[in-house]
Amino acid sequence: MKKYILFDLDGTIIDPKEGITKSVAYALNKFEIKVDNLNELCKFIGPPLKDSFIEYYNFSEDEAEKAIKYYREYFADRGIYENKLYKGFEDILISLKENNKVLIVATSKPTIFATKILENFNLSKYFTFVSGSNFDGSRVRKSEVIQYALEINNIKDLSEVVMIGDRKHDIYGAKEVGLDSIGVLYGYGDYEELYNSGANYIVNSVEELRALIMDI
């Protein structure tokens, strides 16, 4: 049975579409790049921001760093509150805590932002620890975030741990560290992405996720 449950944040616990896409659009506008359809920016949800600016807009390292600063200008004041909790997700957390599971958030989002989002939804009480990235760009890879969470919480038996996320970065990060993983399809990754990245389990909905966690 799994004792330690690691959750990605964006696309797994919350739907961050509005806040992230508006923040990205704000940053791109600083480079005179106009994006009228925010749906085009959903690809930024999940991966590290720097990688996405470089991959999708051919930014240099320096340009990507500047873009992240612009992104945070908007996100810190407004975007951080422009998200929604997935329906029924708090019920999962309640059930897991009642069954003595240890819940941890493992996200590439800066820890301070992740913590504020959880507090905004009154979810902090369910989590033992929040492992995120640093503002200086360190500990941004998902494997690094996961490893940090394991070290701080002194978790030795990896067979007792599972990582849950909606994108390939979550699955690859879990594999690099040696964890089982669950891919969720209600977020921003599709079946092909999660299957090809090697997810041990794939679920369609919050309800399926709840049933699976209680069974493994």
N, C-alpha and C. Protein backbone atom coordinates (compact mmCIF):
# COMPACT_ATOMS: atom_id res chain seq x y z
N MET A 1 0.84 -1.21 0.00
CA MET A 1 0.00 0.00 0.00
C MET A 1 0.87 1.26 0.00
N LYS A 2 0.42 2.27 -0.71
CA LYS A 2 1.15 3.53 -0.76
C LYS A 2 0.82 4.36 0.48
N LYS A 3 1.86 4.84 1.13
CA LYS A 3 1.68 5.67 2.32
C LYS A 3 1.86 7.15 2.00
N TYR A 4 2.79 7.44 1.09
CA TYR A 4 3.12 8.83 0.75
C TYR A 4 2.58 9.16 -0.64
N ILE A 5 1.72 10.17 -0.70
CA ILE A 5 1.09 10.55 -1.96
C ILE A 5 1.58 11.93 -2.36
N LEU A 6 2.31 12.00 -3.47
CA LEU A 6 2.84 13.27 -3.97
C LEU A 6 1.94 13.77 -5.10
N PHE A 7 1.51 15.01 -4.98
CA PHE A 7 0.63 15.60 -5.98
C PHE A 7 1.31 16.76 -6.71
N ASP A 8 1.21 16.75 -8.02
CA ASP A 8 1.49 17.96 -8.79
C ASP A 8 0.38 18.95 -8.42
N LEU A 9 0.58 20.23 -8.71
CA LEU A 9 -0.44 21.23 -8.37
C LEU A 9 -1.29 21.61 -9.58
N ASP A 10 -0.66 22.27 -10.56
CA ASP A 10 -1.38 22.75 -11.74
C ASP A 10 -1.83 21.59 -12.63
N GLY A 11 -3.13 21.53 -12.90
CA GLY A 11 -3.66 20.48 -13.76
C GLY A 11 -3.93 19.19 -13.02
N THR A 12 -3.67 19.18 -11.71
CA THR A 12 -3.89 17.98 -10.91
C THR A 12 -4.80 18.28 -9.72
N ILE A 13 -4.44 19.30 -8.94
CA ILE A 13 -5.28 19.75 -7.82
C ILE A 13 -6.17 20.91 -8.26
N ILE A 14 -5.56 21.84 -8.98
CA ILE A 14 -6.31 23.02 -9.45
C ILE A 14 -6.22 23.14 -10.97
N ASP A 15 -7.21 23.83 -11.54
CA ASP A 15 -7.18 24.20 -12.95
C ASP A 15 -6.66 25.63 -13.01
N PRO A 16 -5.42 25.82 -13.45
CA PRO A 16 -4.77 27.14 -13.40
C PRO A 16 -4.84 27.91 -14.71
N LYS A 17 -5.68 27.44 -15.63
CA LYS A 17 -5.67 27.96 -17.00
C LYS A 17 -5.71 29.48 -17.09
N GLU A 18 -6.68 30.09 -16.45
CA GLU A 18 -6.85 31.53 -16.59
C GLU A 18 -5.61 32.29 -16.10
N GLY A 19 -5.15 31.98 -14.91
CA GLY A 19 -4.03 32.71 -14.33
C GLY A 19 -2.74 32.54 -15.09
N ILE A 20 -2.45 31.31 -15.51
CA ILE A 20 -1.19 31.05 -16.22
C ILE A 20 -1.21 31.65 -17.62
N THR A 21 -2.28 31.43 -18.35
CA THR A 21 -2.31 31.94 -19.73
C THR A 21 -2.30 33.46 -19.78
N LYS A 22 -2.98 34.10 -18.84
CA LYS A 22 -2.97 35.57 -18.81
C LYS A 22 -1.59 36.09 -18.41
N SER A 23 -0.92 35.38 -17.53
CA SER A 23 0.42 35.79 -17.11
C SER A 23 1.42 35.64 -18.25
N VAL A 24 1.29 34.55 -19.00
CA VAL A 24 2.17 34.34 -20.16
C VAL A 24 1.92 35.40 -21.23
N ALA A 25 0.63 35.67 -21.48
CA ALA A 25 0.28 36.69 -22.48
C ALA A 25 0.84 38.05 -22.08
N TYR A 26 0.77 38.36 -20.80
CA TYR A 26 1.31 39.62 -20.28
C TYR A 26 2.81 39.69 -20.54
N ALA A 27 3.51 38.58 -20.28
CA ALA A 27 4.96 38.54 -20.49
C ALA A 27 5.31 38.68 -21.97
N LEU A 28 4.60 37.96 -22.81
CA LEU A 28 4.87 38.01 -24.25
C LEU A 28 4.61 39.39 -24.82
N ASN A 29 3.60 40.06 -24.28
CA ASN A 29 3.27 41.41 -24.74
C ASN A 29 4.43 42.38 -24.52
N LYS A 30 5.24 42.12 -23.49
CA LYS A 30 6.41 42.95 -23.21
C LYS A 30 7.45 42.82 -24.33
N PHE A 31 7.36 41.73 -25.07
CA PHE A 31 8.27 41.50 -26.20
C PHE A 31 7.57 41.80 -27.54
N GLU A 32 6.41 42.51 -27.42
CA GLU A 32 5.60 42.88 -28.58
C GLU A 32 5.09 41.66 -29.34
N ILE A 33 4.81 40.60 -28.59
CA ILE A 33 4.18 39.41 -29.15
C ILE A 33 2.75 39.36 -28.65
N LYS A 34 1.79 39.48 -29.55
CA LYS A 34 0.39 39.51 -29.18
C LYS A 34 -0.24 38.12 -29.34
N VAL A 35 -0.94 37.67 -28.33
CA VAL A 35 -1.65 36.39 -28.40
C VAL A 35 -3.11 36.67 -28.07
N ASP A 36 -3.96 36.54 -29.08
CA ASP A 36 -5.38 36.85 -28.90
C ASP A 36 -6.15 35.68 -28.29
N ASN A 37 -5.76 34.46 -28.66
CA ASN A 37 -6.45 33.27 -28.16
C ASN A 37 -5.63 32.65 -27.04
N LEU A 38 -6.08 32.84 -25.80
CA LEU A 38 -5.32 32.34 -24.66
C LEU A 38 -5.21 30.82 -24.63
N ASN A 39 -6.10 30.13 -25.35
CA ASN A 39 -6.02 28.67 -25.40
C ASN A 39 -4.70 28.20 -26.00
N GLU A 40 -4.10 29.05 -26.83
CA GLU A 40 -2.82 28.71 -27.45
C GLU A 40 -1.71 28.61 -26.41
N LEU A 41 -1.94 29.17 -25.25
CA LEU A 41 -0.90 29.22 -24.22
C LEU A 41 -1.07 28.14 -23.16
N CYS A 42 -2.04 27.24 -23.34
CA CYS A 42 -2.24 26.16 -22.37
C CYS A 42 -1.03 25.23 -22.33
N LYS A 43 -0.23 25.23 -23.40
CA LYS A 43 0.98 24.39 -23.43
C LYS A 43 1.99 24.81 -22.38
N PHE A 44 1.82 26.00 -21.82
CA PHE A 44 2.71 26.47 -20.75
C PHE A 44 2.35 25.87 -19.40
N ILE A 45 1.21 25.23 -19.30
CA ILE A 45 0.77 24.68 -18.03
C ILE A 45 1.47 23.35 -17.77
N GLY A 46 2.29 23.31 -16.75
CA GLY A 46 2.98 22.08 -16.39
C GLY A 46 4.49 22.17 -16.46
N PRO A 47 5.05 22.38 -17.66
CA PRO A 47 6.52 22.41 -17.79
C PRO A 47 7.12 23.64 -17.12
N PRO A 48 8.41 23.60 -16.82
CA PRO A 48 9.09 24.81 -16.31
C PRO A 48 8.94 25.95 -17.30
N LEU A 49 8.67 27.15 -16.80
CA LEU A 49 8.42 28.31 -17.67
C LEU A 49 9.57 28.60 -18.61
N LYS A 50 10.77 28.55 -18.10
CA LYS A 50 11.94 28.88 -18.91
C LYS A 50 12.02 27.98 -20.13
N ASP A 51 11.83 26.69 -19.92
CA ASP A 51 11.87 25.74 -21.03
C ASP A 51 10.82 26.07 -22.07
N SER A 52 9.62 26.46 -21.61
CA SER A 52 8.52 26.73 -22.54
C SER A 52 8.76 27.98 -23.36
N PHE A 53 9.26 29.04 -22.75
CA PHE A 53 9.55 30.26 -23.51
C PHE A 53 10.62 29.99 -24.57
N ILE A 54 11.59 29.19 -24.24
CA ILE A 54 12.65 28.85 -25.19
C ILE A 54 12.11 27.96 -26.30
N GLU A 55 11.34 26.95 -25.93
CA GLU A 55 10.83 25.99 -26.91
C GLU A 55 9.79 26.59 -27.86
N TYR A 56 8.84 27.32 -27.30
CA TYR A 56 7.71 27.77 -28.11
C TYR A 56 7.92 29.12 -28.79
N TYR A 57 8.82 29.94 -28.25
CA TYR A 57 9.03 31.27 -28.84
C TYR A 57 10.49 31.56 -29.17
N ASN A 58 11.30 30.51 -29.13
CA ASN A 58 12.71 30.63 -29.52
C ASN A 58 13.45 31.73 -28.75
N PHE A 59 13.08 31.92 -27.49
CA PHE A 59 13.76 32.91 -26.68
C PHE A 59 15.17 32.42 -26.34
N SER A 60 16.08 33.35 -26.18
CA SER A 60 17.40 33.02 -25.66
C SER A 60 17.27 32.80 -24.16
N GLU A 61 18.34 32.34 -23.53
CA GLU A 61 18.33 32.15 -22.08
C GLU A 61 17.99 33.47 -21.37
N ASP A 62 18.63 34.54 -21.80
CA ASP A 62 18.40 35.85 -21.17
C ASP A 62 16.97 36.33 -21.39
N GLU A 63 16.46 36.15 -22.60
CA GLU A 63 15.09 36.56 -22.89
C GLU A 63 14.09 35.76 -22.06
N ALA A 64 14.36 34.48 -21.91
CA ALA A 64 13.47 33.63 -21.12
C ALA A 64 13.46 34.07 -19.66
N GLU A 65 14.62 34.44 -19.14
CA GLU A 65 14.70 34.91 -17.75
C GLU A 65 13.90 36.20 -17.58
N LYS A 66 14.01 37.10 -18.55
CA LYS A 66 13.25 38.35 -18.49
C LYS A 66 11.75 38.07 -18.59
N ALA A 67 11.39 37.13 -19.45
CA ALA A 67 9.98 36.77 -19.62
C ALA A 67 9.40 36.24 -18.31
N ILE A 68 10.17 35.46 -17.59
CA ILE A 68 9.71 34.91 -16.31
C ILE A 68 9.46 36.04 -15.32
N LYS A 69 10.33 37.03 -15.31
CA LYS A 69 10.14 38.17 -14.40
C LYS A 69 8.84 38.92 -14.75
N TYR A 70 8.59 39.11 -16.04
CA TYR A 70 7.34 39.77 -16.46
C TYR A 70 6.13 38.92 -16.08
N TYR A 71 6.26 37.62 -16.31
CA TYR A 71 5.19 36.67 -15.95
C TYR A 71 4.83 36.84 -14.48
N ARG A 72 5.83 36.90 -13.64
CA ARG A 72 5.60 36.97 -12.20
C ARG A 72 5.02 38.31 -11.77
N GLU A 73 5.26 39.36 -12.54
CA GLU A 73 4.65 40.66 -12.24
C GLU A 73 3.13 40.54 -12.22
N TYR A 74 2.62 39.84 -13.23
CA TYR A 74 1.16 39.67 -13.31
C TYR A 74 0.69 38.58 -12.33
N PHE A 75 1.41 37.46 -12.33
CA PHE A 75 0.95 36.31 -11.56
C PHE A 75 0.92 36.58 -10.06
N ALA A 76 1.92 37.29 -9.56
CA ALA A 76 2.02 37.50 -8.11
C ALA A 76 0.84 38.29 -7.55
N ASP A 77 0.29 39.20 -8.36
CA ASP A 77 -0.80 40.04 -7.87
C ASP A 77 -2.18 39.56 -8.29
N ARG A 78 -2.27 38.96 -9.48
CA ARG A 78 -3.59 38.60 -10.02
C ARG A 78 -3.72 37.14 -10.42
N GLY A 79 -2.76 36.67 -11.22
CA GLY A 79 -2.85 35.31 -11.75
C GLY A 79 -2.90 34.23 -10.70
N ILE A 80 -2.28 34.48 -9.57
CA ILE A 80 -2.24 33.48 -8.51
C ILE A 80 -3.64 33.15 -7.97
N TYR A 81 -4.58 34.07 -8.15
CA TYR A 81 -5.95 33.85 -7.68
C TYR A 81 -6.91 33.48 -8.80
N GLU A 82 -6.41 33.43 -10.03
CA GLU A 82 -7.26 33.11 -11.18
C GLU A 82 -7.14 31.62 -11.51
N ASN A 83 -7.67 30.80 -10.64
CA ASN A 83 -7.67 29.36 -10.84
C ASN A 83 -8.86 28.73 -10.13
N LYS A 84 -9.09 27.47 -10.39
CA LYS A 84 -10.24 26.79 -9.81
C LYS A 84 -9.81 25.44 -9.24
N LEU A 85 -10.41 25.07 -8.12
CA LEU A 85 -10.17 23.76 -7.54
C LEU A 85 -11.02 22.74 -8.29
N TYR A 86 -10.41 21.63 -8.70
CA TYR A 86 -11.18 20.61 -9.41
C TYR A 86 -12.28 20.05 -8.50
N LYS A 87 -13.46 19.94 -9.05
CA LYS A 87 -14.63 19.48 -8.30
C LYS A 87 -14.37 18.10 -7.70
N GLY A 88 -14.62 17.98 -6.41
CA GLY A 88 -14.47 16.71 -5.72
C GLY A 88 -13.07 16.43 -5.22
N PHE A 89 -12.12 17.34 -5.51
CA PHE A 89 -10.75 17.02 -5.12
C PHE A 89 -10.53 17.08 -3.62
N GLU A 90 -11.19 17.99 -2.95
CA GLU A 90 -11.01 18.04 -1.50
C GLU A 90 -11.50 16.76 -0.84
N ASP A 91 -12.51 16.13 -1.43
CA ASP A 91 -13.00 14.86 -0.89
C ASP A 91 -11.91 13.79 -0.91
N ILE A 92 -11.06 13.82 -1.98
CA ILE A 92 -9.94 12.89 -2.05
C ILE A 92 -8.99 13.12 -0.88
N LEU A 93 -8.68 14.38 -0.64
CA LEU A 93 -7.74 14.72 0.43
C LEU A 93 -8.27 14.30 1.79
N ILE A 94 -9.56 14.53 2.01
CA ILE A 94 -10.18 14.14 3.28
C ILE A 94 -10.09 12.63 3.47
N SER A 95 -10.43 11.87 2.42
CA SER A 95 -10.39 10.41 2.51
C SER A 95 -8.98 9.89 2.79
N LEU A 96 -8.02 10.47 2.10
CA LEU A 96 -6.64 10.03 2.28
C LEU A 96 -6.13 10.31 3.70
N LYS A 97 -6.45 11.49 4.21
CA LYS A 97 -6.02 11.83 5.57
C LYS A 97 -6.69 10.91 6.59
N GLU A 98 -7.94 10.58 6.35
CA GLU A 98 -8.65 9.68 7.26
C GLU A 98 -8.03 8.29 7.27
N ASN A 99 -7.34 7.96 6.16
CA ASN A 99 -6.67 6.66 6.05
C ASN A 99 -5.17 6.77 6.32
N ASN A 100 -4.80 7.85 7.01
CA ASN A 100 -3.43 8.04 7.50
C ASN A 100 -2.37 8.12 6.40
N LYS A 101 -2.75 8.63 5.25
CA LYS A 101 -1.79 8.85 4.19
C LYS A 101 -1.06 10.18 4.43
N VAL A 102 0.19 10.26 4.00
CA VAL A 102 0.98 11.48 4.11
C VAL A 102 0.93 12.18 2.75
N LEU A 103 0.38 13.39 2.72
CA LEU A 103 0.16 14.10 1.46
C LEU A 103 1.18 15.21 1.28
N ILE A 104 1.78 15.25 0.09
CA ILE A 104 2.83 16.22 -0.21
C ILE A 104 2.57 16.81 -1.59
N VAL A 105 2.79 18.11 -1.73
CA VAL A 105 2.71 18.75 -3.05
C VAL A 105 4.12 18.81 -3.63
N ALA A 106 4.25 18.40 -4.89
CA ALA A 106 5.53 18.46 -5.60
C ALA A 106 5.29 19.17 -6.92
N THR A 107 5.69 20.42 -6.99
CA THR A 107 5.38 21.27 -8.14
C THR A 107 6.58 22.06 -8.60
N SER A 108 6.62 22.35 -9.92
CA SER A 108 7.69 23.20 -10.44
C SER A 108 7.40 24.67 -10.21
N LYS A 109 6.21 24.97 -9.73
CA LYS A 109 5.86 26.35 -9.39
C LYS A 109 6.65 26.77 -8.15
N PRO A 110 7.06 28.04 -8.05
CA PRO A 110 7.76 28.49 -6.85
C PRO A 110 6.97 28.13 -5.58
N THR A 111 7.68 27.67 -4.58
CA THR A 111 7.04 27.20 -3.35
C THR A 111 6.11 28.24 -2.74
N ILE A 112 6.52 29.50 -2.74
CA ILE A 112 5.70 30.54 -2.12
C ILE A 112 4.37 30.71 -2.84
N PHE A 113 4.37 30.59 -4.17
CA PHE A 113 3.12 30.68 -4.93
C PHE A 113 2.23 29.48 -4.65
N ALA A 114 2.83 28.29 -4.65
CA ALA A 114 2.06 27.07 -4.40
C ALA A 114 1.40 27.12 -3.02
N THR A 115 2.15 27.58 -2.04
CA THR A 115 1.63 27.67 -0.68
C THR A 115 0.46 28.64 -0.59
N LYS A 116 0.58 29.79 -1.25
CA LYS A 116 -0.51 30.78 -1.23
C LYS A 116 -1.76 30.24 -1.91
N ILE A 117 -1.59 29.49 -2.98
CA ILE A 117 -2.74 28.92 -3.69
C ILE A 117 -3.46 27.91 -2.79
N LEU A 118 -2.71 27.07 -2.13
CA LEU A 118 -3.32 26.09 -1.22
C LEU A 118 -4.05 26.79 -0.08
N GLU A 119 -3.44 27.85 0.44
CA GLU A 119 -4.08 28.61 1.52
C GLU A 119 -5.37 29.26 1.04
N ASN A 120 -5.36 29.74 -0.21
CA ASN A 120 -6.54 30.40 -0.76
C ASN A 120 -7.74 29.45 -0.84
N PHE A 121 -7.46 28.18 -1.07
CA PHE A 121 -8.52 27.18 -1.14
C PHE A 121 -8.70 26.43 0.19
N ASN A 122 -7.99 26.88 1.23
CA ASN A 122 -8.07 26.26 2.55
C ASN A 122 -7.68 24.78 2.50
N LEU A 123 -6.63 24.47 1.73
CA LEU A 123 -6.19 23.09 1.57
C LEU A 123 -4.89 22.79 2.31
N SER A 124 -4.23 23.81 2.83
CA SER A 124 -2.93 23.60 3.46
C SER A 124 -2.98 22.57 4.58
N LYS A 125 -4.10 22.49 5.27
CA LYS A 125 -4.22 21.60 6.42
C LYS A 125 -4.09 20.12 6.06
N TYR A 126 -4.25 19.81 4.78
CA TYR A 126 -4.17 18.41 4.36
C TYR A 126 -2.75 17.97 4.04
N PHE A 127 -1.87 18.93 3.79
CA PHE A 127 -0.54 18.59 3.29
C PHE A 127 0.55 18.73 4.36
N THR A 128 1.40 17.73 4.42
CA THR A 128 2.52 17.73 5.36
C THR A 128 3.62 18.66 4.88
N PHE A 129 3.77 18.78 3.55
CA PHE A 129 4.90 19.53 3.00
C PHE A 129 4.58 20.00 1.59
N VAL A 130 5.12 21.16 1.24
CA VAL A 130 5.00 21.69 -0.12
C VAL A 130 6.41 21.83 -0.69
N SER A 131 6.70 21.06 -1.71
CA SER A 131 8.01 21.11 -2.37
C SER A 131 7.84 21.78 -3.73
N GLY A 132 8.48 22.94 -3.89
CA GLY A 132 8.40 23.66 -5.15
C GLY A 132 9.76 24.15 -5.58
N SER A 133 9.76 25.01 -6.58
CA SER A 133 11.03 25.56 -7.08
C SER A 133 11.40 26.82 -6.31
N ASN A 134 12.59 27.31 -6.58
CA ASN A 134 13.07 28.55 -5.98
C ASN A 134 12.99 29.68 -7.00
N PHE A 135 12.88 30.92 -6.53
CA PHE A 135 12.79 32.07 -7.43
C PHE A 135 14.05 32.27 -8.27
N ASP A 136 15.17 31.74 -7.80
CA ASP A 136 16.41 31.93 -8.55
C ASP A 136 16.56 30.93 -9.69
N GLY A 137 15.53 30.12 -9.93
CA GLY A 137 15.57 29.18 -11.04
C GLY A 137 16.11 27.81 -10.67
N SER A 138 16.50 27.61 -9.42
CA SER A 138 17.00 26.31 -8.99
C SER A 138 15.85 25.42 -8.54
N ARG A 139 16.13 24.12 -8.51
CA ARG A 139 15.16 23.09 -8.15
C ARG A 139 13.85 23.26 -8.93
N VAL A 140 13.98 23.35 -10.26
CA VAL A 140 12.80 23.53 -11.08
C VAL A 140 12.41 22.25 -11.81
N ARG A 141 13.39 21.35 -12.06
CA ARG A 141 13.07 20.08 -12.69
C ARG A 141 12.24 19.23 -11.73
N LYS A 142 11.26 18.51 -12.28
CA LYS A 142 10.36 17.76 -11.41
C LYS A 142 11.09 16.70 -10.59
N SER A 143 12.10 16.07 -11.17
CA SER A 143 12.86 15.08 -10.40
C SER A 143 13.54 15.71 -9.20
N GLU A 144 14.03 16.94 -9.35
CA GLU A 144 14.67 17.65 -8.24
C GLU A 144 13.66 18.00 -7.16
N VAL A 145 12.47 18.42 -7.59
CA VAL A 145 11.40 18.76 -6.65
C VAL A 145 10.99 17.54 -5.84
N ILE A 146 10.85 16.41 -6.53
CA ILE A 146 10.46 15.17 -5.87
C ILE A 146 11.54 14.70 -4.91
N GLN A 147 12.78 14.73 -5.37
CA GLN A 147 13.89 14.27 -4.53
C GLN A 147 14.00 15.11 -3.27
N TYR A 148 13.79 16.41 -3.41
CA TYR A 148 13.83 17.31 -2.25
C TYR A 148 12.75 16.94 -1.25
N ALA A 149 11.55 16.66 -1.75
CA ALA A 149 10.44 16.28 -0.87
C ALA A 149 10.76 15.00 -0.11
N LEU A 150 11.36 14.04 -0.81
CA LEU A 150 11.71 12.77 -0.17
C LEU A 150 12.78 12.97 0.91
N GLU A 151 13.77 13.78 0.60
CA GLU A 151 14.87 14.00 1.55
C GLU A 151 14.39 14.74 2.80
N ILE A 152 13.62 15.81 2.61
CA ILE A 152 13.17 16.60 3.75
C ILE A 152 12.25 15.79 4.67
N ASN A 153 11.47 14.90 4.07
CA ASN A 153 10.53 14.10 4.86
C ASN A 153 11.11 12.74 5.26
N ASN A 154 12.40 12.54 4.96
CA ASN A 154 13.11 11.32 5.35
C ASN A 154 12.39 10.06 4.89
N ILE A 155 11.96 10.08 3.63
CA ILE A 155 11.25 8.94 3.05
C ILE A 155 12.27 8.04 2.36
N LYS A 156 12.42 6.82 2.85
CA LYS A 156 13.44 5.90 2.36
C LYS A 156 12.88 4.81 1.44
N ASP A 157 11.71 4.27 1.80
CA ASP A 157 11.13 3.17 1.05
C ASP A 157 10.30 3.72 -0.12
N LEU A 158 10.89 3.72 -1.30
CA LEU A 158 10.21 4.32 -2.46
C LEU A 158 9.00 3.52 -2.92
N SER A 159 8.90 2.27 -2.50
CA SER A 159 7.75 1.46 -2.87
C SER A 159 6.48 1.95 -2.19
N GLU A 160 6.64 2.80 -1.16
CA GLU A 160 5.49 3.34 -0.43
C GLU A 160 5.03 4.68 -1.00
N VAL A 161 5.64 5.12 -2.09
CA VAL A 161 5.38 6.46 -2.62
C VAL A 161 4.80 6.39 -4.04
N VAL A 162 3.88 7.31 -4.34
CA VAL A 162 3.39 7.45 -5.71
C VAL A 162 3.29 8.94 -6.05
N MET A 163 3.63 9.27 -7.28
CA MET A 163 3.55 10.65 -7.78
C MET A 163 2.37 10.76 -8.73
N ILE A 164 1.58 11.83 -8.55
CA ILE A 164 0.39 12.04 -9.37
C ILE A 164 0.52 13.35 -10.14
N GLY A 165 0.32 13.31 -11.46
CA GLY A 165 0.41 14.52 -12.25
C GLY A 165 -0.27 14.38 -13.60
N ASP A 166 -0.36 15.48 -14.32
CA ASP A 166 -1.10 15.49 -15.59
C ASP A 166 -0.22 15.63 -16.82
N ARG A 167 1.09 15.83 -16.64
CA ARG A 167 1.98 16.02 -17.79
C ARG A 167 3.16 15.05 -17.73
N LYS A 168 3.81 14.91 -18.88
CA LYS A 168 4.94 13.97 -18.99
C LYS A 168 6.06 14.32 -18.01
N HIS A 169 6.21 15.60 -17.69
CA HIS A 169 7.27 16.01 -16.79
C HIS A 169 7.08 15.39 -15.40
N ASP A 170 5.83 15.23 -14.99
CA ASP A 170 5.54 14.60 -13.71
C ASP A 170 5.93 13.13 -13.73
N ILE A 171 5.61 12.47 -14.86
CA ILE A 171 5.88 11.04 -14.98
C ILE A 171 7.38 10.78 -15.12
N TYR A 172 8.04 11.55 -15.97
CA TYR A 172 9.49 11.40 -16.12
C TYR A 172 10.21 11.68 -14.81
N GLY A 173 9.76 12.71 -14.10
CA GLY A 173 10.38 13.06 -12.82
C GLY A 173 10.27 11.91 -11.83
N ALA A 174 9.10 11.29 -11.78
CA ALA A 174 8.90 10.15 -10.89
C ALA A 174 9.81 8.99 -11.27
N LYS A 175 9.91 8.72 -12.56
CA LYS A 175 10.74 7.61 -13.04
C LYS A 175 12.22 7.84 -12.72
N GLU A 176 12.67 9.08 -12.87
CA GLU A 176 14.07 9.39 -12.60
C GLU A 176 14.43 9.12 -11.14
N VAL A 177 13.47 9.36 -10.26
CA VAL A 177 13.71 9.16 -8.83
C VAL A 177 13.46 7.72 -8.41
N GLY A 178 12.65 7.00 -9.20
CA GLY A 178 12.35 5.61 -8.89
C GLY A 178 10.99 5.37 -8.28
N LEU A 179 10.03 6.27 -8.59
CA LEU A 179 8.68 6.17 -8.03
C LEU A 179 7.68 5.67 -9.06
N ASP A 180 6.61 5.03 -8.56
CA ASP A 180 5.45 4.76 -9.39
C ASP A 180 4.73 6.08 -9.64
N SER A 181 3.92 6.12 -10.70
CA SER A 181 3.23 7.36 -11.03
C SER A 181 1.83 7.10 -11.54
N ILE A 182 0.99 8.11 -11.34
CA ILE A 182 -0.38 8.10 -11.85
C ILE A 182 -0.57 9.33 -12.73
N GLY A 183 -0.99 9.12 -13.97
CA GLY A 183 -1.29 10.24 -14.86
C GLY A 183 -2.78 10.51 -14.86
N VAL A 184 -3.15 11.79 -14.78
CA VAL A 184 -4.57 12.15 -14.77
C VAL A 184 -4.94 12.87 -16.07
N LEU A 185 -6.05 12.44 -16.66
CA LEU A 185 -6.46 12.98 -17.96
C LEU A 185 -7.40 14.17 -17.86
N TYR A 186 -7.80 14.54 -16.66
CA TYR A 186 -8.67 15.71 -16.53
C TYR A 186 -7.86 17.01 -16.54
N GLY A 187 -6.53 16.89 -16.56
CA GLY A 187 -5.66 18.06 -16.59
C GLY A 187 -5.32 18.47 -18.01
N TYR A 188 -4.01 18.67 -18.28
CA TYR A 188 -3.61 19.24 -19.57
C TYR A 188 -2.73 18.32 -20.42
N GLY A 189 -2.57 17.08 -20.00
CA GLY A 189 -1.88 16.11 -20.84
C GLY A 189 -2.88 15.13 -21.41
N ASP A 190 -2.57 14.55 -22.58
CA ASP A 190 -3.49 13.56 -23.14
C ASP A 190 -2.99 12.15 -22.87
N TYR A 191 -3.78 11.17 -23.29
CA TYR A 191 -3.44 9.77 -23.00
C TYR A 191 -2.10 9.38 -23.61
N GLU A 192 -1.89 9.78 -24.86
CA GLU A 192 -0.65 9.42 -25.55
C GLU A 192 0.58 9.95 -24.80
N GLU A 193 0.49 11.20 -24.34
CA GLU A 193 1.61 11.80 -23.61
C GLU A 193 1.92 11.02 -22.33
N LEU A 194 0.89 10.71 -21.57
CA LEU A 194 1.09 10.03 -20.29
C LEU A 194 1.51 8.58 -20.48
N TYR A 195 0.93 7.92 -21.48
CA TYR A 195 1.28 6.52 -21.76
C TYR A 195 2.72 6.41 -22.24
N ASN A 196 3.07 7.27 -23.19
CA ASN A 196 4.42 7.21 -23.77
C ASN A 196 5.51 7.59 -22.77
N SER A 197 5.15 8.40 -21.78
CA SER A 197 6.15 8.78 -20.77
C SER A 197 6.29 7.73 -19.67
N GLY A 198 5.42 6.73 -19.70
CA GLY A 198 5.58 5.59 -18.80
C GLY A 198 4.80 5.60 -17.52
N ALA A 199 3.65 6.28 -17.49
CA ALA A 199 2.83 6.29 -16.29
C ALA A 199 2.41 4.86 -15.93
N ASN A 200 2.51 4.52 -14.65
CA ASN A 200 2.09 3.19 -14.21
C ASN A 200 0.59 3.02 -14.25
N TYR A 201 -0.12 4.12 -14.01
CA TYR A 201 -1.59 4.12 -14.04
C TYR A 201 -2.04 5.40 -14.73
N ILE A 202 -3.20 5.34 -15.40
CA ILE A 202 -3.79 6.53 -16.01
C ILE A 202 -5.28 6.53 -15.68
N VAL A 203 -5.76 7.66 -15.16
CA VAL A 203 -7.18 7.77 -14.81
C VAL A 203 -7.82 8.93 -15.56
N ASN A 204 -9.12 8.82 -15.76
CA ASN A 204 -9.85 9.83 -16.54
C ASN A 204 -10.39 10.97 -15.71
N SER A 205 -10.69 10.71 -14.45
CA SER A 205 -11.41 11.69 -13.65
C SER A 205 -10.93 11.73 -12.21
N VAL A 206 -11.39 12.74 -11.49
CA VAL A 206 -11.09 12.85 -10.06
C VAL A 206 -11.66 11.64 -9.32
N GLU A 207 -12.84 11.19 -9.73
CA GLU A 207 -13.47 10.05 -9.07
C GLU A 207 -12.64 8.78 -9.26
N GLU A 208 -12.13 8.58 -10.48
CA GLU A 208 -11.29 7.40 -10.73
C GLU A 208 -9.99 7.48 -9.94
N LEU A 209 -9.46 8.68 -9.82
CA LEU A 209 -8.22 8.86 -9.07
C LEU A 209 -8.43 8.47 -7.61
N ARG A 210 -9.52 8.90 -7.04
CA ARG A 210 -9.81 8.59 -5.64
C ARG A 210 -9.88 7.10 -5.43
N ALA A 211 -10.59 6.38 -6.31
CA ALA A 211 -10.74 4.94 -6.17
C ALA A 211 -9.40 4.23 -6.31
N LEU A 212 -8.58 4.69 -7.26
CA LEU A 212 -7.30 4.04 -7.49
C LEU A 212 -6.34 4.21 -6.31
N ILE A 213 -6.23 5.43 -5.79
CA ILE A 213 -5.29 5.68 -4.70
C ILE A 213 -5.61 4.80 -3.50
N MET A 214 -6.89 4.60 -3.24
CA MET A 214 -7.28 3.82 -2.07
C MET A 214 -7.05 2.33 -2.29
N ASP A 215 -6.71 1.96 -3.54
CA ASP A 215 -6.58 0.54 -3.87
C ASP A 215 -5.14 0.08 -4.10
N ILE A 216 -4.21 1.04 -4.16
CA ILE A 216 -2.83 0.64 -4.47
C ILE A 216 -1.92 0.77 -3.23
